Every structure is written in C-alpha cells, then in structure tokens.
Amino acid sequence: MKTCQRFARIKSGFERDIHFLSKPSAPGSPGAGVNAKTAVTVKRNMARALNRHFDQCRECG
C-alpha cells in the first residue's frame, strides 16, 4: 500500500506517543497502569485518524 507523506507524519507522531507511554514505570506504581490504559486509547485514536485520512486522501485512497 502506497501512502503519502502526511500519512507517515500522522503515524509517526502517534507511534512516538505510544512508545513513550509504553516505557515501563516503576513496577507496581499507579502510573504504570494509567500509562498502559492511555497507550491503548492512543492506539485506538491512531487507527481512527489514519482511517479518516485514508478515506479522504486522494493520494492514499
């Protein structure tokens, strides 16, 4: 699948956030669970944003 530069830019931004949130905090700390849940939410938002872009972009779709 060939995608445009904007698609790659959107994806890389979300992946950077997911990577940051996926880094383990101190085991057993309250922040570790919150970061894991937030990472799942960010993944879901990334999927929505990329699907919306793919549907509207002339170069990708």
N, C-alpha and C. Protein backbone atom coordinates (compact mmCIF):
# COMPACT_ATOMS: atom_id res chain seq x y z
N MET A 1 0.85 -1.16 0.00
CA MET A 1 0.00 0.00 0.00
C MET A 1 0.90 1.24 0.00
N LYS A 2 0.70 2.10 -0.96
CA LYS A 2 1.46 3.34 -1.05
C LYS A 2 0.70 4.43 -0.31
N THR A 3 1.43 5.13 0.56
CA THR A 3 0.81 6.20 1.33
C THR A 3 1.58 7.49 1.13
N CYS A 4 0.94 8.59 1.47
CA CYS A 4 1.55 9.90 1.29
C CYS A 4 2.39 10.28 2.52
N GLN A 5 3.07 11.41 2.40
CA GLN A 5 3.93 11.87 3.50
C GLN A 5 3.11 12.28 4.71
N ARG A 6 1.94 12.80 4.49
CA ARG A 6 1.09 13.22 5.62
C ARG A 6 0.67 12.01 6.44
N PHE A 7 0.35 10.91 5.78
CA PHE A 7 0.00 9.66 6.47
C PHE A 7 1.16 9.22 7.36
N ALA A 8 2.37 9.25 6.81
CA ALA A 8 3.55 8.85 7.57
C ALA A 8 3.79 9.78 8.75
N ARG A 9 3.55 11.07 8.57
CA ARG A 9 3.74 12.05 9.64
C ARG A 9 2.74 11.82 10.76
N ILE A 10 1.49 11.55 10.41
CA ILE A 10 0.46 11.27 11.42
C ILE A 10 0.82 10.01 12.19
N LYS A 11 1.19 8.98 11.46
CA LYS A 11 1.53 7.70 12.08
C LYS A 11 2.74 7.82 13.00
N SER A 12 3.78 8.52 12.56
CA SER A 12 4.98 8.62 13.38
C SER A 12 4.72 9.40 14.66
N GLY A 13 3.87 10.41 14.59
CA GLY A 13 3.53 11.17 15.80
C GLY A 13 2.82 10.30 16.83
N PHE A 14 1.87 9.51 16.39
CA PHE A 14 1.16 8.62 17.30
C PHE A 14 2.09 7.54 17.84
N GLU A 15 2.93 6.98 16.97
CA GLU A 15 3.85 5.93 17.41
C GLU A 15 4.83 6.45 18.45
N ARG A 16 5.26 7.70 18.31
CA ARG A 16 6.16 8.31 19.29
C ARG A 16 5.46 8.39 20.65
N ASP A 17 4.20 8.81 20.65
CA ASP A 17 3.43 8.90 21.90
C ASP A 17 3.23 7.52 22.52
N ILE A 18 2.91 6.54 21.70
CA ILE A 18 2.68 5.18 22.19
C ILE A 18 3.96 4.61 22.78
N HIS A 19 5.08 4.84 22.10
CA HIS A 19 6.37 4.35 22.61
C HIS A 19 6.69 4.98 23.97
N PHE A 20 6.46 6.28 24.11
CA PHE A 20 6.70 6.97 25.36
C PHE A 20 5.82 6.40 26.48
N LEU A 21 4.56 6.15 26.18
CA LEU A 21 3.64 5.64 27.19
C LEU A 21 3.89 4.17 27.52
N SER A 22 4.48 3.43 26.59
CA SER A 22 4.71 2.01 26.80
C SER A 22 5.97 1.73 27.61
N LYS A 23 6.83 2.73 27.77
CA LYS A 23 8.02 2.53 28.60
C LYS A 23 7.55 2.22 30.02
N PRO A 24 8.11 1.20 30.61
CA PRO A 24 7.64 0.82 31.94
C PRO A 24 8.01 1.85 33.00
N SER A 25 7.05 2.15 33.85
CA SER A 25 7.30 2.98 35.03
C SER A 25 7.79 2.05 36.12
N ALA A 26 7.92 2.57 37.31
CA ALA A 26 8.30 1.72 38.44
C ALA A 26 7.23 0.65 38.61
N PRO A 27 7.62 -0.62 38.67
CA PRO A 27 6.63 -1.69 38.80
C PRO A 27 5.74 -1.50 40.03
N GLY A 28 4.47 -1.66 39.81
CA GLY A 28 3.51 -1.54 40.89
C GLY A 28 3.08 -0.12 41.19
N SER A 29 3.64 0.84 40.49
CA SER A 29 3.25 2.22 40.74
C SER A 29 1.91 2.51 40.05
N PRO A 30 1.16 3.45 40.57
CA PRO A 30 -0.13 3.77 39.95
C PRO A 30 0.04 4.31 38.53
N GLY A 31 1.16 4.94 38.25
CA GLY A 31 1.39 5.50 36.92
C GLY A 31 1.55 4.44 35.85
N ALA A 32 2.04 3.27 36.22
CA ALA A 32 2.25 2.21 35.23
C ALA A 32 0.93 1.76 34.63
N GLY A 33 -0.08 1.60 35.45
CA GLY A 33 -1.39 1.18 34.95
C GLY A 33 -2.06 2.26 34.12
N VAL A 34 -1.91 3.48 34.55
CA VAL A 34 -2.50 4.59 33.82
C VAL A 34 -1.85 4.73 32.45
N ASN A 35 -0.53 4.60 32.39
CA ASN A 35 0.17 4.71 31.11
C ASN A 35 -0.24 3.59 30.15
N ALA A 36 -0.44 2.40 30.67
CA ALA A 36 -0.85 1.27 29.81
C ALA A 36 -2.24 1.52 29.23
N LYS A 37 -3.15 2.01 30.06
CA LYS A 37 -4.50 2.28 29.58
C LYS A 37 -4.51 3.43 28.58
N THR A 38 -3.69 4.44 28.84
CA THR A 38 -3.61 5.57 27.93
C THR A 38 -3.01 5.15 26.60
N ALA A 39 -2.04 4.24 26.62
CA ALA A 39 -1.43 3.76 25.38
C ALA A 39 -2.47 3.04 24.52
N VAL A 40 -3.34 2.30 25.13
CA VAL A 40 -4.41 1.61 24.38
C VAL A 40 -5.34 2.63 23.74
N THR A 41 -5.67 3.67 24.48
CA THR A 41 -6.54 4.72 23.95
C THR A 41 -5.87 5.45 22.79
N VAL A 42 -4.58 5.71 22.92
CA VAL A 42 -3.85 6.40 21.86
C VAL A 42 -3.79 5.52 20.61
N LYS A 43 -3.63 4.22 20.77
CA LYS A 43 -3.63 3.30 19.62
C LYS A 43 -4.97 3.35 18.90
N ARG A 44 -6.04 3.39 19.66
CA ARG A 44 -7.38 3.46 19.07
C ARG A 44 -7.56 4.78 18.32
N ASN A 45 -7.09 5.87 18.92
CA ASN A 45 -7.18 7.18 18.26
C ASN A 45 -6.33 7.21 16.99
N MET A 46 -5.17 6.55 17.01
CA MET A 46 -4.32 6.49 15.82
C MET A 46 -5.06 5.77 14.70
N ALA A 47 -5.71 4.68 15.02
CA ALA A 47 -6.44 3.93 14.00
C ALA A 47 -7.55 4.79 13.39
N ARG A 48 -8.25 5.53 14.23
CA ARG A 48 -9.32 6.40 13.72
C ARG A 48 -8.75 7.49 12.81
N ALA A 49 -7.67 8.12 13.27
CA ALA A 49 -7.08 9.21 12.49
C ALA A 49 -6.54 8.72 11.15
N LEU A 50 -5.90 7.56 11.15
CA LEU A 50 -5.35 7.04 9.90
C LEU A 50 -6.46 6.59 8.95
N ASN A 51 -7.51 5.99 9.48
CA ASN A 51 -8.64 5.60 8.63
C ASN A 51 -9.32 6.81 8.03
N ARG A 52 -9.51 7.84 8.84
CA ARG A 52 -10.13 9.07 8.34
C ARG A 52 -9.27 9.70 7.25
N HIS A 53 -7.95 9.72 7.48
CA HIS A 53 -7.05 10.28 6.48
C HIS A 53 -7.10 9.44 5.20
N PHE A 54 -7.05 8.14 5.34
CA PHE A 54 -7.05 7.24 4.19
C PHE A 54 -8.32 7.41 3.36
N ASP A 55 -9.44 7.63 4.01
CA ASP A 55 -10.71 7.80 3.31
C ASP A 55 -10.77 9.12 2.54
N GLN A 56 -10.11 10.15 3.05
CA GLN A 56 -10.21 11.48 2.45
C GLN A 56 -9.07 11.83 1.52
N CYS A 57 -7.96 11.14 1.62
CA CYS A 57 -6.77 11.50 0.85
C CYS A 57 -6.84 10.93 -0.56
N ARG A 58 -6.59 11.76 -1.54
CA ARG A 58 -6.61 11.31 -2.94
C ARG A 58 -5.38 10.47 -3.27
N GLU A 59 -4.28 10.77 -2.64
CA GLU A 59 -3.03 10.06 -2.93
C GLU A 59 -3.00 8.66 -2.29
N CYS A 60 -3.55 8.54 -1.09
CA CYS A 60 -3.54 7.25 -0.38
C CYS A 60 -4.68 6.34 -0.82
N GLY A 61 -5.85 6.90 -0.99
CA GLY A 61 -7.04 6.09 -1.23
C GLY A 61 -7.35 5.99 -2.64
